PDB file of all heavy atoms in Angstrom:
ATOM      1  N   ALA A   1      -2.960  21.555  -1.775  1.00  0.00           N
ATOM      2  CA  ALA A   1      -3.822  22.301  -2.644  1.00  0.00           C
ATOM      3  C   ALA A   1      -3.051  22.831  -3.751  1.00  0.00           C
ATOM      4  O   ALA A   1      -1.974  23.529  -3.559  1.00  0.00           O
ATOM      5  CB  ALA A   1      -4.572  23.331  -1.902  1.00  0.00           C
ATOM      6  N   PRO A   2      -3.391  22.591  -5.078  1.00  0.00           N
ATOM      7  CA  PRO A   2      -2.693  23.250  -6.201  1.00  0.00           C
ATOM      8  C   PRO A   2      -2.822  24.717  -6.181  1.00  0.00           C
ATOM      9  O   PRO A   2      -3.804  25.321  -5.713  1.00  0.00           O
ATOM     10  CB  PRO A   2      -3.405  22.631  -7.473  1.00  0.00           C
ATOM     11  CG  PRO A   2      -4.153  21.500  -6.846  1.00  0.00           C
ATOM     12  CD  PRO A   2      -4.591  21.821  -5.531  1.00  0.00           C
ATOM     13  N   PRO A   3      -1.821  25.460  -6.656  1.00  0.00           N
ATOM     14  CA  PRO A   3      -1.857  26.892  -6.679  1.00  0.00           C
ATOM     15  C   PRO A   3      -2.902  27.395  -7.661  1.00  0.00           C
ATOM     16  O   PRO A   3      -3.298  26.661  -8.560  1.00  0.00           O
ATOM     17  CB  PRO A   3      -0.457  27.355  -7.133  1.00  0.00           C
ATOM     18  CG  PRO A   3       0.096  26.097  -7.859  1.00  0.00           C
ATOM     19  CD  PRO A   3      -0.527  24.916  -7.198  1.00  0.00           C
ATOM     20  N   ALA A   4      -3.404  28.581  -7.418  1.00  0.00           N
ATOM     21  CA  ALA A   4      -4.383  29.153  -8.285  1.00  0.00           C
ATOM     22  C   ALA A   4      -3.844  29.280  -9.757  1.00  0.00           C
ATOM     23  O   ALA A   4      -2.687  29.679  -9.931  1.00  0.00           O
ATOM     24  CB  ALA A   4      -4.857  30.555  -7.790  1.00  0.00           C
ATOM     25  N   GLY A   5      -4.723  28.969 -10.701  1.00  0.00           N
ATOM     26  CA  GLY A   5      -4.246  29.050 -12.110  1.00  0.00           C
ATOM     27  C   GLY A   5      -3.414  27.924 -12.578  1.00  0.00           C
ATOM     28  O   GLY A   5      -2.727  28.034 -13.601  1.00  0.00           O
ATOM     29  N   ALA A   6      -3.363  26.807 -11.810  1.00  0.00           N
ATOM     30  CA  ALA A   6      -2.511  25.667 -12.154  1.00  0.00           C
ATOM     31  C   ALA A   6      -3.094  24.842 -13.303  1.00  0.00           C
ATOM     32  O   ALA A   6      -2.390  23.986 -13.899  1.00  0.00           O
ATOM     33  CB  ALA A   6      -2.263  24.773 -10.965  1.00  0.00           C
ATOM     34  N   GLY A   7      -4.384  25.095 -13.686  1.00  0.00           N
ATOM     35  CA  GLY A   7      -5.028  24.352 -14.671  1.00  0.00           C
ATOM     36  C   GLY A   7      -6.180  23.468 -14.098  1.00  0.00           C
ATOM     37  O   GLY A   7      -6.218  23.270 -12.889  1.00  0.00           O
ATOM     38  N   ARG A   8      -6.996  22.963 -14.956  1.00  0.00           N
ATOM     39  CA  ARG A   8      -8.152  22.196 -14.452  1.00  0.00           C
ATOM     40  C   ARG A   8      -8.438  21.112 -15.407  1.00  0.00           C
ATOM     41  O   ARG A   8      -8.052  21.083 -16.553  1.00  0.00           O
ATOM     42  CB  ARG A   8      -9.324  23.165 -14.264  1.00  0.00           C
ATOM     43  CG  ARG A   8      -9.763  23.894 -15.467  1.00  0.00           C
ATOM     44  CD  ARG A   8     -10.945  24.749 -15.210  1.00  0.00           C
ATOM     45  NE  ARG A   8     -11.322  25.561 -16.333  1.00  0.00           N
ATOM     46  CZ  ARG A   8     -12.544  26.081 -16.560  1.00  0.00           C
ATOM     47  NH1 ARG A   8     -13.599  25.750 -15.756  1.00  0.00           N
ATOM     48  NH2 ARG A   8     -12.760  26.818 -17.602  1.00  0.00           N
ATOM     49  N   TYR A   9      -9.326  20.148 -14.914  1.00  0.00           N
ATOM     50  CA  TYR A   9      -9.715  19.020 -15.746  1.00  0.00           C
ATOM     51  C   TYR A   9     -11.225  18.836 -15.476  1.00  0.00           C
ATOM     52  O   TYR A   9     -11.821  19.227 -14.429  1.00  0.00           O
ATOM     53  CB  TYR A   9      -8.990  17.758 -15.368  1.00  0.00           C
ATOM     54  CG  TYR A   9      -9.378  17.127 -14.065  1.00  0.00           C
ATOM     55  CD1 TYR A   9     -10.327  16.168 -14.076  1.00  0.00           C
ATOM     56  CD2 TYR A   9      -8.897  17.557 -12.832  1.00  0.00           C
ATOM     57  CE1 TYR A   9     -10.765  15.558 -12.865  1.00  0.00           C
ATOM     58  CE2 TYR A   9      -9.260  17.021 -11.628  1.00  0.00           C
ATOM     59  CZ  TYR A   9     -10.222  15.985 -11.682  1.00  0.00           C
ATOM     60  OH  TYR A   9     -10.669  15.456 -10.500  1.00  0.00           O
ATOM     61  N   THR A  10     -11.882  18.126 -16.458  1.00  0.00           N
ATOM     62  CA  THR A  10     -13.204  17.668 -16.345  1.00  0.00           C
ATOM     63  C   THR A  10     -13.263  16.301 -16.931  1.00  0.00           C
ATOM     64  O   THR A  10     -12.654  16.002 -17.973  1.00  0.00           O
ATOM     65  CB  THR A  10     -14.164  18.601 -17.179  1.00  0.00           C
ATOM     66  OG1 THR A  10     -14.089  19.870 -16.595  1.00  0.00           O
ATOM     67  CG2 THR A  10     -15.617  18.104 -16.993  1.00  0.00           C
ATOM     68  N   ARG A  11     -13.949  15.360 -16.289  1.00  0.00           N
ATOM     69  CA  ARG A  11     -13.943  13.954 -16.705  1.00  0.00           C
ATOM     70  C   ARG A  11     -15.402  13.366 -16.660  1.00  0.00           C
ATOM     71  O   ARG A  11     -16.138  13.705 -15.737  1.00  0.00           O
ATOM     72  CB  ARG A  11     -13.014  13.136 -15.794  1.00  0.00           C
ATOM     73  CG  ARG A  11     -13.028  11.640 -16.135  1.00  0.00           C
ATOM     74  CD  ARG A  11     -11.840  10.975 -15.391  1.00  0.00           C
ATOM     75  NE  ARG A  11     -11.658  11.426 -14.111  1.00  0.00           N
ATOM     76  CZ  ARG A  11     -10.486  11.368 -13.404  1.00  0.00           C
ATOM     77  NH1 ARG A  11      -9.450  10.901 -13.957  1.00  0.00           N
ATOM     78  NH2 ARG A  11     -10.445  11.820 -12.124  1.00  0.00           N
ATOM     79  N   ARG A  12     -15.706  12.543 -17.592  1.00  0.00           N
ATOM     80  CA  ARG A  12     -16.931  11.708 -17.685  1.00  0.00           C
ATOM     81  C   ARG A  12     -16.581  10.343 -17.933  1.00  0.00           C
ATOM     82  O   ARG A  12     -15.804   9.984 -18.777  1.00  0.00           O
ATOM     83  CB  ARG A  12     -17.813  12.232 -18.777  1.00  0.00           C
ATOM     84  CG  ARG A  12     -18.128  13.798 -18.710  1.00  0.00           C
ATOM     85  CD  ARG A  12     -19.061  14.130 -17.570  1.00  0.00           C
ATOM     86  NE  ARG A  12     -19.397  15.510 -17.628  1.00  0.00           N
ATOM     87  CZ  ARG A  12     -18.928  16.433 -16.799  1.00  0.00           C
ATOM     88  NH1 ARG A  12     -17.982  16.116 -15.899  1.00  0.00           N
ATOM     89  NH2 ARG A  12     -19.298  17.687 -16.936  1.00  0.00           N
ATOM     90  N   ARG A  13     -17.092   9.374 -17.045  1.00  0.00           N
ATOM     91  CA  ARG A  13     -16.866   8.002 -17.204  1.00  0.00           C
ATOM     92  C   ARG A  13     -18.216   7.230 -17.298  1.00  0.00           C
ATOM     93  O   ARG A  13     -18.936   7.324 -16.309  1.00  0.00           O
ATOM     94  CB  ARG A  13     -15.962   7.319 -16.115  1.00  0.00           C
ATOM     95  CG  ARG A  13     -15.528   5.860 -16.481  1.00  0.00           C
ATOM     96  CD  ARG A  13     -14.692   5.350 -15.334  1.00  0.00           C
ATOM     97  NE  ARG A  13     -15.543   4.964 -14.141  1.00  0.00           N
ATOM     98  CZ  ARG A  13     -15.061   4.257 -13.157  1.00  0.00           C
ATOM     99  NH1 ARG A  13     -13.772   3.989 -13.110  1.00  0.00           N
ATOM    100  NH2 ARG A  13     -15.749   4.018 -12.098  1.00  0.00           N
ATOM    101  N   LEU A  14     -18.462   6.589 -18.392  1.00  0.00           N
ATOM    102  CA  LEU A  14     -19.737   5.946 -18.625  1.00  0.00           C
ATOM    103  C   LEU A  14     -19.501   4.440 -18.743  1.00  0.00           C
ATOM    104  O   LEU A  14     -18.623   3.932 -19.494  1.00  0.00           O
ATOM    105  CB  LEU A  14     -20.384   6.439 -19.945  1.00  0.00           C
ATOM    106  CG  LEU A  14     -21.714   5.691 -20.312  1.00  0.00           C
ATOM    107  CD1 LEU A  14     -22.761   6.083 -19.392  1.00  0.00           C
ATOM    108  CD2 LEU A  14     -22.089   6.114 -21.715  1.00  0.00           C
ATOM    109  N   ARG A  15     -20.184   3.627 -17.933  1.00  0.00           N
ATOM    110  CA  ARG A  15     -20.116   2.215 -17.952  1.00  0.00           C
ATOM    111  C   ARG A  15     -21.372   1.587 -18.321  1.00  0.00           C
ATOM    112  O   ARG A  15     -22.450   1.902 -17.696  1.00  0.00           O
ATOM    113  CB  ARG A  15     -19.652   1.625 -16.591  1.00  0.00           C
ATOM    114  CG  ARG A  15     -18.400   2.394 -16.047  1.00  0.00           C
ATOM    115  CD  ARG A  15     -17.771   1.674 -14.837  1.00  0.00           C
ATOM    116  NE  ARG A  15     -17.184   0.423 -15.204  1.00  0.00           N
ATOM    117  CZ  ARG A  15     -16.485  -0.336 -14.387  1.00  0.00           C
ATOM    118  NH1 ARG A  15     -16.328   0.011 -13.062  1.00  0.00           N
ATOM    119  NH2 ARG A  15     -15.891  -1.448 -14.819  1.00  0.00           N
ATOM    120  N   THR A  16     -21.369   0.798 -19.364  1.00  0.00           N
ATOM    121  CA  THR A  16     -22.612   0.096 -19.863  1.00  0.00           C
ATOM    122  C   THR A  16     -22.389  -1.355 -19.934  1.00  0.00           C
ATOM    123  O   THR A  16     -21.300  -1.824 -20.235  1.00  0.00           O
ATOM    124  CB  THR A  16     -22.940   0.737 -21.186  1.00  0.00           C
ATOM    125  OG1 THR A  16     -21.864   0.514 -22.172  1.00  0.00           O
ATOM    126  CG2 THR A  16     -23.303   2.226 -21.211  1.00  0.00           C
ATOM    127  N   PRO A  17     -23.495  -2.151 -19.914  1.00  0.00           N
ATOM    128  CA  PRO A  17     -23.330  -3.629 -19.952  1.00  0.00           C
ATOM    129  C   PRO A  17     -22.945  -4.110 -21.357  1.00  0.00           C
ATOM    130  O   PRO A  17     -23.362  -3.487 -22.378  1.00  0.00           O
ATOM    131  CB  PRO A  17     -24.677  -4.129 -19.546  1.00  0.00           C
ATOM    132  CG  PRO A  17     -25.638  -3.050 -19.819  1.00  0.00           C
ATOM    133  CD  PRO A  17     -24.844  -1.778 -19.638  1.00  0.00           C
ATOM    134  N   ALA A  18     -22.186  -5.139 -21.487  1.00  0.00           N
ATOM    135  CA  ALA A  18     -21.844  -5.709 -22.705  1.00  0.00           C
ATOM    136  C   ALA A  18     -21.804  -7.249 -22.544  1.00  0.00           C
ATOM    137  O   ALA A  18     -21.757  -7.703 -21.357  1.00  0.00           O
ATOM    138  CB  ALA A  18     -20.409  -5.238 -23.134  1.00  0.00           C
ATOM    139  N   PRO A  19     -21.889  -7.982 -23.607  1.00  0.00           N
ATOM    140  CA  PRO A  19     -21.870  -9.517 -23.469  1.00  0.00           C
ATOM    141  C   PRO A  19     -20.532  -9.944 -22.757  1.00  0.00           C
ATOM    142  O   PRO A  19     -19.431  -9.574 -23.179  1.00  0.00           O
ATOM    143  CB  PRO A  19     -21.814 -10.036 -24.896  1.00  0.00           C
ATOM    144  CG  PRO A  19     -22.513  -8.904 -25.759  1.00  0.00           C
ATOM    145  CD  PRO A  19     -22.118  -7.692 -24.979  1.00  0.00           C
ATOM    146  N   HIS A  20     -20.701 -10.698 -21.586  1.00  0.00           N
ATOM    147  CA  HIS A  20     -19.570 -11.172 -20.819  1.00  0.00           C
ATOM    148  C   HIS A  20     -18.717 -10.080 -20.279  1.00  0.00           C
ATOM    149  O   HIS A  20     -17.550 -10.371 -19.976  1.00  0.00           O
ATOM    150  CB  HIS A  20     -18.755 -12.152 -21.705  1.00  0.00           C
ATOM    151  CG  HIS A  20     -19.548 -13.184 -22.434  1.00  0.00           C
ATOM    152  ND1 HIS A  20     -20.264 -14.113 -21.828  1.00  0.00           N
ATOM    153  CD2 HIS A  20     -19.611 -13.445 -23.786  1.00  0.00           C
ATOM    154  CE1 HIS A  20     -20.861 -14.893 -22.732  1.00  0.00           C
ATOM    155  NE2 HIS A  20     -20.471 -14.489 -23.925  1.00  0.00           N
ATOM    156  N   GLY A  21     -19.229  -8.922 -20.093  1.00  0.00           N
ATOM    157  CA  GLY A  21     -18.400  -7.882 -19.464  1.00  0.00           C
ATOM    158  C   GLY A  21     -19.104  -6.510 -19.477  1.00  0.00           C
ATOM    159  O   GLY A  21     -20.301  -6.418 -19.496  1.00  0.00           O
ATOM    160  N   THR A  22     -18.216  -5.508 -19.501  1.00  0.00           N
ATOM    161  CA  THR A  22     -18.683  -4.063 -19.363  1.00  0.00           C
ATOM    162  C   THR A  22     -17.861  -3.275 -20.371  1.00  0.00           C
ATOM    163  O   THR A  22     -16.615  -3.381 -20.540  1.00  0.00           O
ATOM    164  CB  THR A  22     -18.457  -3.567 -18.000  1.00  0.00           C
ATOM    165  OG1 THR A  22     -19.151  -4.402 -17.053  1.00  0.00           O
ATOM    166  CG2 THR A  22     -18.883  -2.104 -17.867  1.00  0.00           C
ATOM    167  N   HIS A  23     -18.619  -2.350 -21.098  1.00  0.00           N
ATOM    168  CA  HIS A  23     -17.963  -1.312 -21.839  1.00  0.00           C
ATOM    169  C   HIS A  23     -17.735  -0.097 -21.052  1.00  0.00           C
ATOM    170  O   HIS A  23     -18.654   0.338 -20.275  1.00  0.00           O
ATOM    171  CB  HIS A  23     -18.834  -0.898 -23.086  1.00  0.00           C
ATOM    172  CG  HIS A  23     -18.787  -1.840 -24.217  1.00  0.00           C
ATOM    173  ND1 HIS A  23     -17.628  -2.242 -24.794  1.00  0.00           N
ATOM    174  CD2 HIS A  23     -19.745  -2.499 -24.924  1.00  0.00           C
ATOM    175  CE1 HIS A  23     -17.850  -3.094 -25.784  1.00  0.00           C
ATOM    176  NE2 HIS A  23     -19.156  -3.258 -25.916  1.00  0.00           N
ATOM    177  N   GLN A  24     -16.563   0.507 -21.130  1.00  0.00           N
ATOM    178  CA  GLN A  24     -16.279   1.658 -20.365  1.00  0.00           C
ATOM    179  C   GLN A  24     -15.764   2.788 -21.294  1.00  0.00           C
ATOM    180  O   GLN A  24     -14.832   2.536 -22.042  1.00  0.00           O
ATOM    181  CB  GLN A  24     -15.250   1.389 -19.339  1.00  0.00           C
ATOM    182  CG  GLN A  24     -14.762   2.624 -18.458  1.00  0.00           C
ATOM    183  CD  GLN A  24     -13.877   2.246 -17.312  1.00  0.00           C
ATOM    184  OE1 GLN A  24     -14.335   1.586 -16.395  1.00  0.00           O
ATOM    185  NE2 GLN A  24     -12.686   2.693 -17.282  1.00  0.00           N
ATOM    186  N   LEU A  25     -16.426   3.970 -21.229  1.00  0.00           N
ATOM    187  CA  LEU A  25     -16.017   5.083 -22.060  1.00  0.00           C
ATOM    188  C   LEU A  25     -15.636   6.219 -21.151  1.00  0.00           C
ATOM    189  O   LEU A  25     -16.399   6.595 -20.280  1.00  0.00           O
ATOM    190  CB  LEU A  25     -17.203   5.518 -22.911  1.00  0.00           C
ATOM    191  CG  LEU A  25     -17.007   6.613 -24.009  1.00  0.00           C
ATOM    192  CD1 LEU A  25     -16.139   6.042 -25.108  1.00  0.00           C
ATOM    193  CD2 LEU A  25     -18.247   7.207 -24.416  1.00  0.00           C
ATOM    194  N   THR A  26     -14.400   6.752 -21.295  1.00  0.00           N
ATOM    195  CA  THR A  26     -13.886   7.825 -20.456  1.00  0.00           C
ATOM    196  C   THR A  26     -13.460   9.014 -21.320  1.00  0.00           C
ATOM    197  O   THR A  26     -12.676   8.789 -22.205  1.00  0.00           O
ATOM    198  CB  THR A  26     -12.691   7.341 -19.632  1.00  0.00           C
ATOM    199  OG1 THR A  26     -12.979   6.190 -18.881  1.00  0.00           O
ATOM    200  CG2 THR A  26     -12.272   8.372 -18.684  1.00  0.00           C
ATOM    201  N   LEU A  27     -14.095  10.078 -21.023  1.00  0.00           N
ATOM    202  CA  LEU A  27     -13.803  11.347 -21.708  1.00  0.00           C
ATOM    203  C   LEU A  27     -13.165  12.326 -20.701  1.00  0.00           C
ATOM    204  O   LEU A  27     -13.696  12.676 -19.721  1.00  0.00           O
ATOM    205  CB  LEU A  27     -15.046  11.994 -22.323  1.00  0.00           C
ATOM    206  CG  LEU A  27     -14.894  13.360 -23.002  1.00  0.00           C
ATOM    207  CD1 LEU A  27     -14.005  13.189 -24.267  1.00  0.00           C
ATOM    208  CD2 LEU A  27     -16.224  13.923 -23.479  1.00  0.00           C
ATOM    209  N   THR A  28     -11.899  12.774 -20.992  1.00  0.00           N
ATOM    210  CA  THR A  28     -11.169  13.633 -20.147  1.00  0.00           C
ATOM    211  C   THR A  28     -10.724  14.902 -20.873  1.00  0.00           C
ATOM    212  O   THR A  28     -10.185  14.793 -21.959  1.00  0.00           O
ATOM    213  CB  THR A  28      -9.959  12.939 -19.575  1.00  0.00           C
ATOM    214  OG1 THR A  28     -10.316  11.713 -19.004  1.00  0.00           O
ATOM    215  CG2 THR A  28      -9.314  13.805 -18.467  1.00  0.00           C
ATOM    216  N   LEU A  29     -11.009  16.093 -20.313  1.00  0.00           N
ATOM    217  CA  LEU A  29     -10.543  17.307 -20.825  1.00  0.00           C
ATOM    218  C   LEU A  29      -9.696  18.033 -19.840  1.00  0.00           C
ATOM    219  O   LEU A  29     -10.012  18.110 -18.686  1.00  0.00           O
ATOM    220  CB  LEU A  29     -11.711  18.247 -21.232  1.00  0.00           C
ATOM    221  CG  LEU A  29     -12.639  17.702 -22.343  1.00  0.00           C
ATOM    222  CD1 LEU A  29     -13.854  16.995 -21.660  1.00  0.00           C
ATOM    223  CD2 LEU A  29     -13.223  18.849 -23.215  1.00  0.00           C
ATOM    224  N   ALA A  30      -8.423  18.462 -20.261  1.00  0.00           N
ATOM    225  CA  ALA A  30      -7.527  19.069 -19.310  1.00  0.00           C
ATOM    226  C   ALA A  30      -6.899  20.287 -20.024  1.00  0.00           C
ATOM    227  O   ALA A  30      -6.521  20.287 -21.185  1.00  0.00           O
ATOM    228  CB  ALA A  30      -6.402  18.110 -19.030  1.00  0.00           C
ATOM    229  N   THR A  31      -6.831  21.376 -19.209  1.00  0.00           N
ATOM    230  CA  THR A  31      -6.271  22.681 -19.712  1.00  0.00           C
ATOM    231  C   THR A  31      -5.313  23.093 -18.645  1.00  0.00           C
ATOM    232  O   THR A  31      -5.688  23.349 -17.476  1.00  0.00           O
ATOM    233  CB  THR A  31      -7.381  23.659 -19.963  1.00  0.00           C
ATOM    234  OG1 THR A  31      -8.424  23.061 -20.768  1.00  0.00           O
ATOM    235  CG2 THR A  31      -6.913  24.927 -20.596  1.00  0.00           C
ATOM    236  N   ALA A  32      -4.030  23.330 -19.129  1.00  0.00           N
ATOM    237  CA  ALA A  32      -3.072  23.926 -18.229  1.00  0.00           C
ATOM    238  C   ALA A  32      -3.253  25.445 -18.171  1.00  0.00           C
ATOM    239  O   ALA A  32      -4.064  26.011 -18.817  1.00  0.00           O
ATOM    240  CB  ALA A  32      -1.653  23.572 -18.735  1.00  0.00           C
ATOM    241  N   ALA A  33      -2.372  26.060 -17.371  1.00  0.00           N
ATOM    242  CA  ALA A  33      -2.458  27.506 -17.192  1.00  0.00           C
ATOM    243  C   ALA A  33      -2.268  28.224 -18.585  1.00  0.00           C
ATOM    244  O   ALA A  33      -2.877  29.246 -18.876  1.00  0.00           O
ATOM    245  CB  ALA A  33      -1.444  28.019 -16.227  1.00  0.00           C
ATOM    246  N   GLU A  34      -1.454  27.620 -19.408  1.00  0.00           N
ATOM    247  CA  GLU A  34      -1.230  28.146 -20.690  1.00  0.00           C
ATOM    248  C   GLU A  34      -1.256  27.033 -21.708  1.00  0.00           C
ATOM    249  O   GLU A  34      -0.893  25.908 -21.443  1.00  0.00           O
ATOM    250  CB  GLU A  34       0.132  28.855 -20.818  1.00  0.00           C
ATOM    251  CG  GLU A  34       0.340  30.081 -19.939  1.00  0.00           C
ATOM    252  CD  GLU A  34       1.666  30.767 -20.119  1.00  0.00           C
ATOM    253  OE1 GLU A  34       2.482  30.204 -20.871  1.00  0.00           O
ATOM    254  OE2 GLU A  34       1.857  31.806 -19.446  1.00  0.00           O
ATOM    255  N   GLY A  35      -1.780  27.242 -22.938  1.00  0.00           N
ATOM    256  CA  GLY A  35      -1.813  26.259 -23.954  1.00  0.00           C
ATOM    257  C   GLY A  35      -3.221  25.811 -24.278  1.00  0.00           C
ATOM    258  O   GLY A  35      -4.220  26.290 -23.633  1.00  0.00           O
TER     259      GLY A  35
END
C-alpha cells in the first residue's frame, strides 16, 4: 500500500469502433504530493 499523501491518479479510457479496427482515447491525470 502506498503511503498517505503519495499522490493520486484518475484515468478514463474510451474505446469506439473504427473502420477495420478500434479507436482508443485515454485521459490520465496524475498529481504527486507536491507539484
